[in-house]
N, C-alpha and C. Protein backbone atom coordinates (compact mmCIF):
# COMPACT_ATOMS: atom_id res chain seq x y z
N MET A 1 0.88 -1.38 0.07
CA MET A 1 0.03 0.13 0.10
C MET A 1 0.92 1.24 0.03
N ASP A 2 0.26 2.21 -0.72
CA ASP A 2 1.01 3.61 -0.70
C ASP A 2 0.75 4.58 0.50
N THR A 3 -0.14 4.01 1.37
CA THR A 3 -0.60 5.02 2.41
C THR A 3 0.08 4.57 3.56
N CYS A 4 0.09 5.68 4.87
CA CYS A 4 0.98 5.50 5.82
C CYS A 4 0.16 6.27 7.03
N LEU A 5 0.25 6.09 8.13
CA LEU A 5 0.25 6.71 9.35
C LEU A 5 1.62 7.34 9.73
N VAL A 6 1.57 8.66 10.24
CA VAL A 6 2.44 9.21 10.91
C VAL A 6 2.39 9.70 12.07
N TYR A 7 2.97 9.23 13.24
CA TYR A 7 3.03 9.28 14.39
C TYR A 7 4.15 10.25 15.22
N VAL A 8 3.34 11.57 15.67
CA VAL A 8 4.22 12.67 16.01
C VAL A 8 3.64 13.51 17.43
N THR A 9 4.63 13.47 18.20
CA THR A 9 4.05 13.94 19.48
C THR A 9 4.55 15.39 19.41
N ALA A 10 3.62 16.38 20.41
CA ALA A 10 3.95 17.93 20.25
C ALA A 10 3.91 18.22 21.77
N PRO A 11 4.27 19.49 22.28
CA PRO A 11 4.32 19.61 23.73
C PRO A 11 2.90 20.31 24.23
N HIS A 12 2.23 20.96 23.23
CA HIS A 12 0.64 21.53 23.78
C HIS A 12 -0.19 21.51 22.41
N ARG A 13 -1.42 21.67 22.77
CA ARG A 13 -2.35 21.70 21.68
C ARG A 13 -2.24 22.53 20.66
N ASP A 14 -1.85 23.75 20.99
CA ASP A 14 -1.60 24.87 19.85
C ASP A 14 -0.70 24.39 18.91
N GLU A 15 0.39 24.00 19.49
CA GLU A 15 1.58 23.57 18.41
C GLU A 15 1.05 22.45 17.46
N ALA A 16 0.33 21.55 18.01
CA ALA A 16 -0.20 20.46 17.52
C ALA A 16 -1.14 20.71 16.53
N ARG A 17 -1.92 21.83 16.58
CA ARG A 17 -3.01 22.37 15.79
C ARG A 17 -2.37 23.06 14.49
N ASP A 18 -1.21 23.90 14.98
CA ASP A 18 -0.65 24.52 13.73
C ASP A 18 0.19 23.56 12.92
N ILE A 19 0.71 22.50 13.44
CA ILE A 19 1.48 21.46 12.74
C ILE A 19 0.38 20.87 11.72
N ALA A 20 -0.83 20.42 12.10
CA ALA A 20 -1.97 19.59 11.55
C ALA A 20 -2.39 20.51 10.48
N ARG A 21 -2.76 21.91 10.92
CA ARG A 21 -3.48 22.81 9.99
C ARG A 21 -2.29 22.87 8.48
N ALA A 22 -1.05 23.23 8.98
CA ALA A 22 -0.02 23.40 7.70
C ALA A 22 -0.02 22.04 7.08
N LEU A 23 0.18 21.06 7.41
CA LEU A 23 0.20 19.66 6.69
C LEU A 23 -1.16 19.58 6.02
N VAL A 24 -2.15 19.69 6.31
CA VAL A 24 -3.46 19.58 5.38
C VAL A 24 -3.34 20.67 4.29
N GLU A 25 -3.25 21.74 4.88
CA GLU A 25 -3.03 23.02 3.66
C GLU A 25 -2.09 22.78 2.70
N GLN A 26 -0.98 22.15 2.91
CA GLN A 26 0.16 21.91 2.05
C GLN A 26 -0.23 20.79 1.35
N ARG A 27 -1.22 19.95 1.49
CA ARG A 27 -1.57 18.65 1.17
C ARG A 27 -0.54 17.70 1.17
N LEU A 28 0.24 17.91 2.25
CA LEU A 28 1.10 16.59 2.56
C LEU A 28 0.28 15.55 3.45
N ALA A 29 -0.90 16.10 4.10
CA ALA A 29 -1.84 15.01 4.73
C ALA A 29 -3.24 15.10 4.57
N ALA A 30 -3.86 14.08 4.36
CA ALA A 30 -5.40 14.09 4.04
C ALA A 30 -6.00 14.60 5.43
N CYS A 31 -5.74 14.10 6.73
CA CYS A 31 -6.17 14.19 7.76
C CYS A 31 -5.18 14.12 8.84
N VAL A 32 -5.40 14.99 10.15
CA VAL A 32 -4.47 14.83 11.24
C VAL A 32 -5.73 14.72 12.38
N ASN A 33 -5.54 13.70 13.13
CA ASN A 33 -6.13 13.49 14.49
C ASN A 33 -5.16 14.19 15.74
N ILE A 34 -5.71 14.98 16.47
CA ILE A 34 -5.15 15.41 17.56
C ILE A 34 -5.74 14.87 18.94
N LEU A 35 -4.63 14.09 19.62
CA LEU A 35 -5.44 13.42 20.87
C LEU A 35 -4.64 14.23 22.19
N ASP A 36 -5.30 14.85 22.94
CA ASP A 36 -4.86 15.30 24.29
C ASP A 36 -4.46 14.28 25.11
N GLY A 37 -4.03 14.67 26.38
CA GLY A 37 -4.01 14.07 27.57
C GLY A 37 -2.94 12.83 27.46
N MET A 38 -1.75 12.86 26.72
CA MET A 38 -0.91 11.76 26.84
C MET A 38 0.14 12.15 27.69
N THR A 39 0.56 11.21 28.55
CA THR A 39 2.07 11.60 29.41
C THR A 39 2.97 10.72 28.87
N SER A 40 4.02 11.27 28.53
CA SER A 40 5.44 10.61 28.13
C SER A 40 6.52 10.68 29.25
N VAL A 41 7.11 9.19 29.41
CA VAL A 41 8.33 9.39 30.20
C VAL A 41 9.32 8.87 29.36
N TYR A 42 10.50 9.40 29.35
CA TYR A 42 11.58 9.23 28.44
C TYR A 42 12.74 9.66 29.20
N ARG A 43 13.91 9.23 28.37
CA ARG A 43 15.23 9.85 28.82
C ARG A 43 15.71 10.75 27.70
N TRP A 44 16.29 11.88 28.35
CA TRP A 44 16.66 12.82 27.46
C TRP A 44 18.01 13.54 28.27
N ASP A 45 18.92 13.85 27.73
CA ASP A 45 20.24 14.48 28.36
C ASP A 45 20.43 13.81 29.86
N GLY A 46 20.49 12.38 29.69
CA GLY A 46 20.74 11.76 30.66
C GLY A 46 19.94 11.59 31.88
N ALA A 47 18.92 12.36 31.74
CA ALA A 47 18.07 12.39 32.98
C ALA A 47 16.54 11.92 32.34
N VAL A 48 15.59 11.18 33.20
CA VAL A 48 14.60 10.78 33.02
C VAL A 48 13.40 11.88 33.28
N HIS A 49 12.46 12.09 32.30
CA HIS A 49 11.65 13.22 32.11
C HIS A 49 10.03 12.63 32.12
N GLN A 50 9.28 13.41 32.55
CA GLN A 50 7.78 13.05 32.44
C GLN A 50 7.05 14.14 32.43
N ASP A 51 6.52 14.43 30.99
CA ASP A 51 5.57 15.63 30.69
C ASP A 51 4.37 15.08 29.81
N ALA A 52 3.48 16.11 29.81
CA ALA A 52 2.09 15.88 29.15
C ALA A 52 2.63 16.38 27.76
N GLU A 53 2.09 15.46 26.77
CA GLU A 53 2.11 15.74 25.36
C GLU A 53 0.97 15.59 24.66
N VAL A 54 0.97 16.09 23.41
CA VAL A 54 -0.20 15.96 22.53
C VAL A 54 0.13 14.97 21.47
N LEU A 55 -0.49 13.93 20.85
CA LEU A 55 -0.52 12.89 19.80
C LEU A 55 -0.89 13.46 18.72
N LEU A 56 -0.28 13.51 17.79
CA LEU A 56 -0.99 13.61 16.22
C LEU A 56 -0.96 12.26 15.53
N LEU A 57 -1.83 11.98 15.04
CA LEU A 57 -1.99 10.67 13.87
C LEU A 57 -2.24 11.41 12.48
N ILE A 58 -1.36 11.24 11.77
CA ILE A 58 -1.62 11.82 10.62
C ILE A 58 -1.56 10.88 9.44
N LYS A 59 -2.66 11.06 8.55
CA LYS A 59 -3.03 10.30 7.32
C LYS A 59 -2.43 10.75 6.03
N THR A 60 -1.35 9.85 5.38
CA THR A 60 -0.93 10.21 4.26
C THR A 60 -0.37 9.36 3.10
N CYS A 61 0.36 9.64 1.98
CA CYS A 61 0.88 8.95 1.29
C CYS A 61 2.13 8.73 1.51
N SER A 62 3.06 7.41 1.21
CA SER A 62 4.45 7.26 1.61
C SER A 62 5.12 8.18 0.65
N SER A 63 4.55 8.77 -0.59
CA SER A 63 5.46 9.52 -1.49
C SER A 63 5.64 11.03 -0.89
N LYS A 64 4.79 11.37 0.17
CA LYS A 64 4.55 12.80 0.67
C LYS A 64 5.47 12.62 2.14
N THR A 65 6.14 11.49 2.88
CA THR A 65 6.78 11.42 3.93
C THR A 65 7.80 12.50 4.15
N SER A 66 8.88 12.37 2.95
CA SER A 66 10.05 13.32 3.26
C SER A 66 9.57 14.68 3.32
N ALA A 67 8.77 15.07 2.51
CA ALA A 67 8.39 16.71 2.57
C ALA A 67 7.57 17.09 3.83
N LEU A 68 7.02 15.93 4.50
CA LEU A 68 6.01 15.93 5.53
C LEU A 68 6.89 16.53 6.84
N ILE A 69 7.82 15.37 6.73
CA ILE A 69 8.72 15.32 7.98
C ILE A 69 9.45 16.69 7.74
N GLU A 70 9.94 17.20 6.80
CA GLU A 70 10.66 18.65 6.71
C GLU A 70 9.71 19.58 7.21
N SER A 71 8.53 19.62 6.69
CA SER A 71 7.56 20.78 7.07
C SER A 71 7.24 20.66 8.57
N ILE A 72 7.43 19.38 9.13
CA ILE A 72 6.98 19.42 10.68
C ILE A 72 8.30 19.98 11.30
N LYS A 73 9.49 19.64 10.93
CA LYS A 73 10.67 19.97 11.63
C LYS A 73 10.95 21.54 11.57
N LYS A 74 10.22 22.18 10.63
CA LYS A 74 10.38 23.51 10.60
C LYS A 74 9.14 24.29 11.50
N ILE A 75 8.26 23.52 11.90
CA ILE A 75 7.14 24.21 12.68
C ILE A 75 7.37 23.69 13.95
N HIS A 76 8.05 22.60 14.44
CA HIS A 76 8.01 21.91 15.84
C HIS A 76 9.14 22.71 16.53
N SER A 77 8.63 22.84 17.93
CA SER A 77 9.53 23.43 18.74
C SER A 77 10.60 22.64 19.59
N TYR A 78 10.41 21.36 19.30
CA TYR A 78 11.63 20.44 19.80
C TYR A 78 12.64 20.31 19.08
N SER A 79 13.94 20.05 19.44
CA SER A 79 15.24 19.98 18.79
C SER A 79 15.36 18.43 18.07
N CYS A 80 14.68 17.64 18.38
CA CYS A 80 14.42 16.33 18.01
C CYS A 80 12.95 15.74 18.16
N PRO A 81 12.29 16.30 17.17
CA PRO A 81 10.78 15.78 17.44
C PRO A 81 10.55 14.25 17.24
N CYS A 82 9.66 13.80 17.89
CA CYS A 82 9.08 12.18 17.79
C CYS A 82 8.31 12.21 16.09
N ILE A 83 8.89 11.64 15.29
CA ILE A 83 8.16 11.35 13.98
C ILE A 83 8.29 10.07 13.47
N THR A 84 7.35 9.32 13.42
CA THR A 84 7.76 8.07 12.86
C THR A 84 6.61 7.74 12.04
N VAL A 85 7.02 6.89 10.80
CA VAL A 85 6.15 6.50 9.67
C VAL A 85 5.75 4.93 9.82
N LEU A 86 4.59 5.03 9.66
CA LEU A 86 4.21 3.44 10.08
C LEU A 86 3.19 3.07 8.74
N PRO A 87 3.42 1.97 8.02
CA PRO A 87 2.59 1.71 6.70
C PRO A 87 1.39 1.27 6.99
N ILE A 88 0.41 1.78 6.09
CA ILE A 88 -1.05 0.86 6.43
C ILE A 88 -1.14 -0.05 5.49
N LEU A 89 -1.19 -1.29 6.03
CA LEU A 89 -1.09 -2.45 5.35
C LEU A 89 -2.45 -2.92 4.77
N ASP A 90 -3.63 -2.59 5.16
CA ASP A 90 -4.99 -2.83 4.43
C ASP A 90 -5.84 -1.97 5.19
N GLY A 91 -7.02 -1.87 4.79
CA GLY A 91 -8.20 -0.94 5.37
C GLY A 91 -9.24 -0.77 4.33
N ASN A 92 -10.17 0.18 4.66
CA ASN A 92 -11.21 0.39 3.87
C ASN A 92 -10.62 1.09 2.55
N PRO A 93 -11.13 0.41 1.39
CA PRO A 93 -10.51 0.91 0.08
C PRO A 93 -10.88 2.27 -0.24
N ASP A 94 -12.17 2.74 0.36
CA ASP A 94 -12.77 3.97 -0.07
C ASP A 94 -11.74 5.14 0.91
N PHE A 95 -11.67 4.67 1.93
CA PHE A 95 -10.84 5.49 2.66
C PHE A 95 -9.56 5.91 2.34
N LEU A 96 -8.78 4.65 2.06
CA LEU A 96 -7.28 4.89 1.36
C LEU A 96 -7.44 5.53 0.10
N ALA A 97 -8.36 5.47 -0.82
CA ALA A 97 -8.26 6.07 -1.94
C ALA A 97 -8.64 7.90 -1.56
N TRP A 98 -9.39 8.03 -0.76
CA TRP A 98 -9.80 9.35 -0.03
C TRP A 98 -8.22 9.96 0.24
N ILE A 99 -7.51 9.34 1.13
CA ILE A 99 -6.22 9.78 1.35
C ILE A 99 -5.29 9.88 0.23
N ARG A 100 -5.44 9.28 -0.64
CA ARG A 100 -4.45 9.45 -1.90
C ARG A 100 -4.93 10.78 -2.80
N ALA A 101 -6.26 10.78 -2.77
CA ALA A 101 -6.95 11.95 -3.29
C ALA A 101 -6.73 13.17 -2.75
N GLU A 102 -6.64 13.50 -1.53
CA GLU A 102 -6.39 14.67 -0.96
C GLU A 102 -5.01 15.02 -0.64
N THR A 103 -4.23 14.17 -0.93
CA THR A 103 -2.85 14.36 -0.80
C THR A 103 -2.23 14.60 -2.14
N ASP A 104 -2.93 14.59 -3.36
CA ASP A 104 -2.61 14.73 -4.68
C ASP A 104 -2.86 16.32 -4.94
N PRO A 105 -1.78 16.95 -5.41
CA PRO A 105 -1.99 18.24 -5.77
C PRO A 105 -2.56 18.71 -6.95
N ALA A 106 -3.11 17.58 -7.61
CA ALA A 106 -3.94 18.06 -8.75
C ALA A 106 -5.18 18.75 -8.67
């Protein structure tokens, strides 16, 4: 499949919304879900941290991921943002076609 789900975390809802809006406006994503209320526990600079974060689930096409990652990095406040790409192996064919159509600049 040529569609994928991109998993991104952000420090707060406003930044997540800015990222989501930019990606959809640029046609790099068909849809972005923003989920509040996540707690992340992680090691950074030799110390364990615990922070509230916001999760973004981004639906896009594999051909868009390089540009999508670069766009996120320009907007994101973290020096090393969490951005991971997961392939969509199967799903509702109509929904997957919609993702392809919404990320097509035509």
